[in-house]
Amino acid sequence: MTLPRHILGTFDEALASLRNNVLMMSSLTERSLERAMKGLFNRDDDLCANAIADDEEIDQLEILIDKDGVAILLRFQPVASDLRHVVAAMKLSSNLERMADQATTIARRARKLNQHPPLAEVELIRPLYEQGRLRARGCRSGARGRSAG
């Protein structure tokens, strides 16, 4: 039987819950951005609408992560690496929320563009999007791996 990392099992549970919420938010943000960009590239208004609809759930996760992070700080008063993990989760959630807001903006603008003839310039965005998508996925994989051990 493996002993918990901390004396208080509830602290480990709170950290794990915070981590899982950040990973969920990261996945939803990635999905929202992917839908928005595919809606732009494929001229698909349904994908754009789905990206816009995802924003509310992501906003709610940001609020939950901030609330849980503050609760962990007040209840357990973490130090060293645990403190850094909690603060990092709270900061990351605000950045993910901003990314989701940008995905919503892209989706809204794509719907407007879809009402007009296709623009060849839209394809110039694809390499930048692919590079950003790969980097975001790598960051999420790193976070998932780092917290597993």
N, C-alpha and C. Protein backbone atom coordinates (compact mmCIF):
# COMPACT_ATOMS: atom_id res chain seq x y z
N MET A 1 0.84 -1.18 0.00
CA MET A 1 0.00 0.00 0.00
C MET A 1 0.88 1.24 0.00
N THR A 2 0.58 2.19 -0.86
CA THR A 2 1.35 3.41 -0.96
C THR A 2 0.77 4.47 -0.04
N LEU A 3 1.65 5.13 0.70
CA LEU A 3 1.21 6.20 1.59
C LEU A 3 0.95 7.47 0.80
N PRO A 4 -0.03 8.27 1.22
CA PRO A 4 -0.26 9.54 0.54
C PRO A 4 0.96 10.44 0.66
N ARG A 5 1.10 11.36 -0.28
CA ARG A 5 2.24 12.25 -0.30
C ARG A 5 2.24 13.19 0.88
N HIS A 6 1.08 13.53 1.37
CA HIS A 6 0.94 14.46 2.49
C HIS A 6 0.27 13.76 3.66
N ILE A 7 0.46 14.33 4.81
CA ILE A 7 -0.17 13.77 6.01
C ILE A 7 -1.69 13.82 5.87
N LEU A 8 -2.20 14.91 5.32
CA LEU A 8 -3.65 15.05 5.13
C LEU A 8 -4.04 14.53 3.75
N GLY A 9 -4.79 13.46 3.74
CA GLY A 9 -5.28 12.92 2.48
C GLY A 9 -6.19 13.90 1.76
N THR A 10 -6.91 14.71 2.54
CA THR A 10 -7.82 15.68 1.92
C THR A 10 -7.04 16.73 1.13
N PHE A 11 -5.81 17.03 1.53
CA PHE A 11 -4.98 17.97 0.78
C PHE A 11 -4.62 17.37 -0.57
N ASP A 12 -4.22 16.11 -0.58
CA ASP A 12 -3.91 15.43 -1.84
C ASP A 12 -5.14 15.40 -2.75
N GLU A 13 -6.30 15.13 -2.16
CA GLU A 13 -7.54 15.10 -2.94
C GLU A 13 -7.85 16.47 -3.54
N ALA A 14 -7.66 17.52 -2.75
CA ALA A 14 -7.92 18.87 -3.23
C ALA A 14 -6.97 19.24 -4.37
N LEU A 15 -5.70 18.88 -4.23
CA LEU A 15 -4.73 19.15 -5.30
C LEU A 15 -5.07 18.37 -6.56
N ALA A 16 -5.45 17.10 -6.39
CA ALA A 16 -5.81 16.27 -7.54
C ALA A 16 -7.05 16.82 -8.25
N SER A 17 -8.02 17.27 -7.48
CA SER A 17 -9.23 17.85 -8.06
C SER A 17 -8.90 19.13 -8.84
N LEU A 18 -8.05 19.97 -8.27
CA LEU A 18 -7.64 21.20 -8.94
C LEU A 18 -6.93 20.86 -10.25
N ARG A 19 -6.01 19.92 -10.19
CA ARG A 19 -5.26 19.49 -11.39
C ARG A 19 -6.22 18.95 -12.46
N ASN A 20 -7.17 18.11 -12.06
CA ASN A 20 -8.12 17.53 -13.02
C ASN A 20 -8.98 18.61 -13.66
N ASN A 21 -9.39 19.60 -12.88
CA ASN A 21 -10.19 20.69 -13.45
C ASN A 21 -9.38 21.51 -14.46
N VAL A 22 -8.09 21.73 -14.16
CA VAL A 22 -7.24 22.46 -15.11
C VAL A 22 -7.07 21.65 -16.40
N LEU A 23 -6.85 20.34 -16.26
CA LEU A 23 -6.71 19.50 -17.45
C LEU A 23 -8.01 19.46 -18.26
N MET A 24 -9.14 19.42 -17.57
CA MET A 24 -10.43 19.45 -18.27
C MET A 24 -10.61 20.77 -19.01
N MET A 25 -10.26 21.86 -18.33
CA MET A 25 -10.38 23.18 -18.95
C MET A 25 -9.46 23.28 -20.16
N SER A 26 -8.27 22.72 -20.04
CA SER A 26 -7.32 22.73 -21.15
C SER A 26 -7.88 21.96 -22.35
N SER A 27 -8.46 20.80 -22.09
CA SER A 27 -9.05 20.00 -23.17
C SER A 27 -10.21 20.72 -23.84
N LEU A 28 -11.06 21.33 -23.03
CA LEU A 28 -12.21 22.06 -23.59
C LEU A 28 -11.76 23.27 -24.40
N THR A 29 -10.73 23.95 -23.92
CA THR A 29 -10.21 25.11 -24.64
C THR A 29 -9.62 24.68 -25.97
N GLU A 30 -8.87 23.59 -25.95
CA GLU A 30 -8.29 23.08 -27.19
C GLU A 30 -9.39 22.69 -28.17
N ARG A 31 -10.43 22.02 -27.67
CA ARG A 31 -11.54 21.62 -28.52
C ARG A 31 -12.26 22.83 -29.11
N SER A 32 -12.46 23.85 -28.28
CA SER A 32 -13.14 25.06 -28.74
C SER A 32 -12.34 25.76 -29.84
N LEU A 33 -11.04 25.87 -29.62
CA LEU A 33 -10.20 26.51 -30.63
C LEU A 33 -10.18 25.69 -31.92
N GLU A 34 -10.12 24.37 -31.77
CA GLU A 34 -10.12 23.51 -32.96
C GLU A 34 -11.43 23.65 -33.73
N ARG A 35 -12.54 23.69 -33.02
CA ARG A 35 -13.84 23.87 -33.69
C ARG A 35 -13.91 25.22 -34.41
N ALA A 36 -13.44 26.25 -33.74
CA ALA A 36 -13.49 27.58 -34.34
C ALA A 36 -12.64 27.63 -35.61
N MET A 37 -11.44 27.07 -35.53
CA MET A 37 -10.55 27.11 -36.70
C MET A 37 -11.06 26.23 -37.83
N LYS A 38 -11.58 25.05 -37.50
CA LYS A 38 -12.15 24.19 -38.54
C LYS A 38 -13.38 24.84 -39.15
N GLY A 39 -14.15 25.54 -38.32
CA GLY A 39 -15.29 26.28 -38.84
C GLY A 39 -14.85 27.37 -39.81
N LEU A 40 -13.73 28.00 -39.51
CA LEU A 40 -13.18 29.02 -40.41
C LEU A 40 -12.65 28.38 -41.69
N PHE A 41 -11.83 27.34 -41.55
CA PHE A 41 -11.21 26.71 -42.72
C PHE A 41 -12.22 26.00 -43.62
N ASN A 42 -13.20 25.33 -43.00
CA ASN A 42 -14.17 24.54 -43.76
C ASN A 42 -15.47 25.29 -44.03
N ARG A 43 -15.54 26.54 -43.56
CA ARG A 43 -16.74 27.37 -43.74
C ARG A 43 -17.98 26.67 -43.16
N ASP A 44 -17.84 26.18 -41.92
CA ASP A 44 -18.87 25.40 -41.26
C ASP A 44 -19.44 26.19 -40.08
N ASP A 45 -20.64 26.73 -40.26
CA ASP A 45 -21.27 27.53 -39.22
C ASP A 45 -21.64 26.70 -37.98
N ASP A 46 -21.93 25.40 -38.15
CA ASP A 46 -22.27 24.56 -37.00
C ASP A 46 -21.08 24.40 -36.07
N LEU A 47 -19.89 24.19 -36.63
CA LEU A 47 -18.68 24.10 -35.79
C LEU A 47 -18.44 25.42 -35.06
N CYS A 48 -18.68 26.52 -35.75
CA CYS A 48 -18.51 27.83 -35.11
C CYS A 48 -19.49 27.99 -33.95
N ALA A 49 -20.72 27.57 -34.15
CA ALA A 49 -21.72 27.67 -33.08
C ALA A 49 -21.33 26.79 -31.89
N ASN A 50 -20.78 25.62 -32.15
CA ASN A 50 -20.33 24.75 -31.06
C ASN A 50 -19.18 25.38 -30.29
N ALA A 51 -18.26 26.03 -30.99
CA ALA A 51 -17.14 26.70 -30.33
C ALA A 51 -17.65 27.82 -29.43
N ILE A 52 -18.61 28.55 -29.90
CA ILE A 52 -19.19 29.65 -29.11
C ILE A 52 -19.91 29.09 -27.88
N ALA A 53 -20.61 27.97 -28.05
CA ALA A 53 -21.35 27.37 -26.94
C ALA A 53 -20.41 26.82 -25.86
N ASP A 54 -19.20 26.37 -26.24
CA ASP A 54 -18.23 25.84 -25.27
C ASP A 54 -17.76 26.91 -24.29
N ASP A 55 -17.84 28.15 -24.66
CA ASP A 55 -17.24 29.22 -23.86
C ASP A 55 -17.83 29.31 -22.46
N GLU A 56 -19.12 29.08 -22.32
CA GLU A 56 -19.76 29.20 -21.00
C GLU A 56 -19.22 28.15 -20.02
N GLU A 57 -19.06 26.93 -20.50
CA GLU A 57 -18.53 25.87 -19.63
C GLU A 57 -17.09 26.18 -19.20
N ILE A 58 -16.31 26.72 -20.12
CA ILE A 58 -14.93 27.08 -19.81
C ILE A 58 -14.90 28.22 -18.80
N ASP A 59 -15.78 29.19 -18.97
CA ASP A 59 -15.86 30.30 -18.01
C ASP A 59 -16.20 29.77 -16.61
N GLN A 60 -17.11 28.82 -16.53
CA GLN A 60 -17.50 28.26 -15.24
C GLN A 60 -16.34 27.48 -14.60
N LEU A 61 -15.57 26.78 -15.42
CA LEU A 61 -14.40 26.07 -14.90
C LEU A 61 -13.36 27.04 -14.34
N GLU A 62 -13.17 28.17 -15.01
CA GLU A 62 -12.22 29.15 -14.49
C GLU A 62 -12.64 29.64 -13.11
N ILE A 63 -13.91 29.92 -12.94
CA ILE A 63 -14.43 30.37 -11.65
C ILE A 63 -14.22 29.28 -10.59
N LEU A 64 -14.50 28.03 -10.95
CA LEU A 64 -14.34 26.92 -10.02
C LEU A 64 -12.87 26.74 -9.62
N ILE A 65 -11.96 26.82 -10.59
CA ILE A 65 -10.54 26.65 -10.30
C ILE A 65 -10.05 27.76 -9.38
N ASP A 66 -10.44 28.98 -9.65
CA ASP A 66 -10.05 30.09 -8.77
C ASP A 66 -10.60 29.90 -7.36
N LYS A 67 -11.86 29.50 -7.26
CA LYS A 67 -12.48 29.28 -5.95
C LYS A 67 -11.78 28.16 -5.20
N ASP A 68 -11.53 27.05 -5.90
CA ASP A 68 -10.85 25.91 -5.26
C ASP A 68 -9.42 26.25 -4.89
N GLY A 69 -8.73 27.01 -5.74
CA GLY A 69 -7.36 27.41 -5.45
C GLY A 69 -7.28 28.27 -4.20
N VAL A 70 -8.18 29.23 -4.09
CA VAL A 70 -8.20 30.09 -2.90
C VAL A 70 -8.55 29.26 -1.67
N ALA A 71 -9.49 28.33 -1.81
CA ALA A 71 -9.86 27.48 -0.68
C ALA A 71 -8.67 26.63 -0.21
N ILE A 72 -7.90 26.11 -1.15
CA ILE A 72 -6.71 25.33 -0.79
C ILE A 72 -5.70 26.22 -0.07
N LEU A 73 -5.49 27.43 -0.59
CA LEU A 73 -4.54 28.35 0.04
C LEU A 73 -4.96 28.68 1.47
N LEU A 74 -6.24 28.92 1.68
CA LEU A 74 -6.72 29.29 3.01
C LEU A 74 -6.78 28.10 3.97
N ARG A 75 -7.21 26.97 3.46
CA ARG A 75 -7.43 25.82 4.34
C ARG A 75 -6.14 25.09 4.71
N PHE A 76 -5.25 24.92 3.70
CA PHE A 76 -4.07 24.09 3.93
C PHE A 76 -2.77 24.88 4.03
N GLN A 77 -2.78 26.13 3.60
CA GLN A 77 -1.59 26.99 3.61
C GLN A 77 -0.36 26.27 3.06
N PRO A 78 -0.43 25.85 1.77
CA PRO A 78 0.68 25.09 1.20
C PRO A 78 1.95 25.94 1.07
N VAL A 79 3.07 25.24 1.04
CA VAL A 79 4.37 25.91 0.87
C VAL A 79 5.13 25.21 -0.25
N ALA A 80 6.21 25.85 -0.69
CA ALA A 80 7.14 25.30 -1.68
C ALA A 80 6.42 24.86 -2.95
N SER A 81 6.68 23.64 -3.40
CA SER A 81 6.16 23.21 -4.70
C SER A 81 4.64 23.13 -4.71
N ASP A 82 4.02 22.79 -3.58
CA ASP A 82 2.56 22.73 -3.54
C ASP A 82 1.96 24.12 -3.76
N LEU A 83 2.55 25.12 -3.17
CA LEU A 83 2.09 26.49 -3.36
C LEU A 83 2.24 26.89 -4.82
N ARG A 84 3.37 26.54 -5.41
CA ARG A 84 3.59 26.87 -6.83
C ARG A 84 2.57 26.18 -7.72
N HIS A 85 2.22 24.93 -7.41
CA HIS A 85 1.23 24.21 -8.21
C HIS A 85 -0.14 24.89 -8.13
N VAL A 86 -0.53 25.31 -6.96
CA VAL A 86 -1.84 25.95 -6.79
C VAL A 86 -1.86 27.29 -7.53
N VAL A 87 -0.84 28.10 -7.34
CA VAL A 87 -0.78 29.41 -7.99
C VAL A 87 -0.71 29.23 -9.51
N ALA A 88 0.08 28.27 -9.96
CA ALA A 88 0.20 28.01 -11.40
C ALA A 88 -1.14 27.59 -12.00
N ALA A 89 -1.88 26.76 -11.29
CA ALA A 89 -3.20 26.33 -11.77
C ALA A 89 -4.14 27.52 -11.91
N MET A 90 -4.10 28.42 -10.93
CA MET A 90 -4.98 29.59 -10.97
C MET A 90 -4.59 30.52 -12.13
N LYS A 91 -3.30 30.70 -12.35
CA LYS A 91 -2.86 31.56 -13.45
C LYS A 91 -3.14 30.91 -14.79
N LEU A 92 -2.91 29.62 -14.87
CA LEU A 92 -3.15 28.91 -16.12
C LEU A 92 -4.63 28.98 -16.50
N SER A 93 -5.51 28.88 -15.51
CA SER A 93 -6.94 28.91 -15.82
C SER A 93 -7.34 30.24 -16.44
N SER A 94 -6.75 31.34 -15.99
CA SER A 94 -7.11 32.63 -16.60
C SER A 94 -6.58 32.73 -18.03
N ASN A 95 -5.41 32.15 -18.28
CA ASN A 95 -4.88 32.14 -19.64
C ASN A 95 -5.70 31.25 -20.56
N LEU A 96 -6.12 30.11 -20.05
CA LEU A 96 -6.98 29.22 -20.84
C LEU A 96 -8.31 29.89 -21.15
N GLU A 97 -8.83 30.61 -20.18
CA GLU A 97 -10.10 31.31 -20.41
C GLU A 97 -9.94 32.37 -21.49
N ARG A 98 -8.80 33.06 -21.48
CA ARG A 98 -8.53 34.05 -22.54
C ARG A 98 -8.45 33.38 -23.90
N MET A 99 -7.79 32.22 -23.95
CA MET A 99 -7.70 31.48 -25.22
C MET A 99 -9.09 31.08 -25.70
N ALA A 100 -9.94 30.65 -24.78
CA ALA A 100 -11.30 30.26 -25.14
C ALA A 100 -12.09 31.48 -25.64
N ASP A 101 -11.87 32.63 -25.03
CA ASP A 101 -12.52 33.85 -25.51
C ASP A 101 -12.06 34.18 -26.93
N GLN A 102 -10.78 33.97 -27.21
CA GLN A 102 -10.27 34.20 -28.56
C GLN A 102 -10.88 33.22 -29.54
N ALA A 103 -11.06 31.97 -29.12
CA ALA A 103 -11.71 30.98 -29.98
C ALA A 103 -13.14 31.41 -30.30
N THR A 104 -13.82 31.95 -29.31
CA THR A 104 -15.18 32.45 -29.53
C THR A 104 -15.18 33.61 -30.53
N THR A 105 -14.22 34.50 -30.39
CA THR A 105 -14.11 35.62 -31.33
C THR A 105 -13.83 35.12 -32.75
N ILE A 106 -12.93 34.14 -32.87
CA ILE A 106 -12.63 33.56 -34.19
C ILE A 106 -13.89 32.95 -34.78
N ALA A 107 -14.64 32.21 -33.97
CA ALA A 107 -15.86 31.55 -34.45
C ALA A 107 -16.90 32.58 -34.90
N ARG A 108 -17.05 33.64 -34.14
CA ARG A 108 -18.02 34.68 -34.53
C ARG A 108 -17.62 35.36 -35.83
N ARG A 109 -16.32 35.65 -35.96
CA ARG A 109 -15.85 36.29 -37.19
C ARG A 109 -15.92 35.33 -38.37
N ALA A 110 -15.66 34.06 -38.11
CA ALA A 110 -15.74 33.05 -39.18
C ALA A 110 -17.17 32.96 -39.71
N ARG A 111 -18.14 33.03 -38.81
CA ARG A 111 -19.55 32.99 -39.27
C ARG A 111 -19.86 34.17 -40.17
N LYS A 112 -19.30 35.33 -39.84
CA LYS A 112 -19.51 36.50 -40.70
C LYS A 112 -18.81 36.32 -42.04
N LEU A 113 -17.58 35.79 -42.00
CA LEU A 113 -16.84 35.56 -43.24
C LEU A 113 -17.52 34.52 -44.12
N ASN A 114 -18.17 33.55 -43.49
CA ASN A 114 -18.84 32.48 -44.24
C ASN A 114 -20.02 32.99 -45.06
N GLN A 115 -20.47 34.19 -44.78
CA GLN A 115 -21.57 34.78 -45.54
C GLN A 115 -21.08 35.41 -46.85
N HIS A 116 -19.77 35.45 -47.02
CA HIS A 116 -19.16 36.06 -48.21
C HIS A 116 -18.38 35.00 -48.98
N PRO A 117 -17.95 35.32 -50.19
CA PRO A 117 -17.15 34.35 -50.95
C PRO A 117 -15.87 33.99 -50.19
N PRO A 118 -15.36 32.77 -50.42
CA PRO A 118 -14.15 32.32 -49.71
C PRO A 118 -12.96 33.23 -49.98
N LEU A 119 -12.12 33.37 -48.95
CA LEU A 119 -10.89 34.15 -49.07
C LEU A 119 -9.70 33.20 -49.08
N ALA A 120 -8.83 33.35 -50.04
CA ALA A 120 -7.64 32.50 -50.12
C ALA A 120 -6.70 32.77 -48.94
N GLU A 121 -6.74 33.98 -48.41
CA GLU A 121 -5.84 34.37 -47.32
C GLU A 121 -6.08 33.58 -46.03
N VAL A 122 -7.26 33.00 -45.89
CA VAL A 122 -7.57 32.23 -44.69
C VAL A 122 -6.57 31.09 -44.52
N GLU A 123 -6.13 30.51 -45.63
CA GLU A 123 -5.17 29.40 -45.55
C GLU A 123 -3.81 29.82 -45.01
N LEU A 124 -3.51 31.10 -45.04
CA LEU A 124 -2.23 31.57 -44.50
C LEU A 124 -2.17 31.41 -42.97
N ILE A 125 -3.31 31.29 -42.35
CA ILE A 125 -3.38 31.15 -40.89
C ILE A 125 -3.09 29.72 -40.45
N ARG A 126 -3.33 28.76 -41.32
CA ARG A 126 -3.25 27.34 -40.95
C ARG A 126 -1.90 26.94 -40.33
N PRO A 127 -0.75 27.29 -40.91
CA PRO A 127 0.52 26.87 -40.28
C PRO A 127 0.70 27.43 -38.86
N LEU A 128 0.29 28.66 -38.66
CA LEU A 128 0.38 29.26 -37.33
C LEU A 128 -0.52 28.53 -36.34
N TYR A 129 -1.71 28.22 -36.78
CA TYR A 129 -2.66 27.48 -35.93
C TYR A 129 -2.09 26.10 -35.58
N GLU A 130 -1.57 25.39 -36.56
CA GLU A 130 -1.02 24.05 -36.32
C GLU A 130 0.14 24.10 -35.33
N GLN A 131 1.01 25.07 -35.47
CA GLN A 131 2.14 25.21 -34.55
C GLN A 131 1.65 25.49 -33.12
N GLY A 132 0.72 26.40 -32.98
CA GLY A 132 0.16 26.70 -31.66
C GLY A 132 -0.56 25.52 -31.05
N ARG A 133 -1.28 24.79 -31.86
CA ARG A 133 -2.01 23.61 -31.39
C ARG A 133 -1.05 22.56 -30.86
N LEU A 134 0.03 22.32 -31.57
CA LEU A 134 1.01 21.32 -31.13
C LEU A 134 1.69 21.74 -29.83
N ARG A 135 2.00 23.02 -29.70
CA ARG A 135 2.64 23.50 -28.47
C ARG A 135 1.68 23.40 -27.28
N ALA A 136 0.43 23.75 -27.48
CA ALA A 136 -0.55 23.66 -26.39
C ALA A 136 -0.74 22.20 -25.97
N ARG A 137 -0.79 21.31 -26.93
CA ARG A 137 -0.94 19.88 -26.61
C ARG A 137 0.28 19.37 -25.85
N GLY A 138 1.47 19.82 -26.23
CA GLY A 138 2.69 19.44 -25.53
C GLY A 138 2.71 19.93 -24.09
N CYS A 139 2.23 21.14 -23.87
CA CYS A 139 2.16 21.68 -22.51
C CYS A 139 1.21 20.86 -21.65
N ARG A 140 0.08 20.48 -22.22
CA ARG A 140 -0.90 19.69 -21.47
C ARG A 140 -0.34 18.31 -21.16
N SER A 141 0.37 17.71 -22.10
CA SER A 141 0.98 16.40 -21.86
C SER A 141 2.03 16.50 -20.76
N GLY A 142 2.80 17.57 -20.76
CA GLY A 142 3.80 17.77 -19.72
C GLY A 142 3.17 17.93 -18.35
N ALA A 143 2.09 18.67 -18.28
CA ALA A 143 1.39 18.87 -17.00
C ALA A 143 0.80 17.56 -16.50
N ARG A 144 0.27 16.79 -17.42
CA ARG A 144 -0.32 15.51 -17.05
C ARG A 144 0.75 14.56 -16.52
N GLY A 145 1.90 14.51 -17.19
CA GLY A 145 2.98 13.63 -16.79
C GLY A 145 3.66 14.07 -15.51
N ARG A 146 3.86 15.37 -15.35
CA ARG A 146 4.57 15.89 -14.18
C ARG A 146 3.81 15.63 -12.89
N SER A 147 2.50 15.72 -12.95
CA SER A 147 1.72 15.58 -11.72
C SER A 147 1.38 14.13 -11.40
N ALA A 148 1.69 13.23 -12.32
CA ALA A 148 1.37 11.83 -12.07
C ALA A 148 2.35 11.18 -11.09
N GLY A 149 3.55 11.75 -10.96
CA GLY A 149 4.53 11.10 -10.10
C GLY A 149 4.82 11.89 -8.97
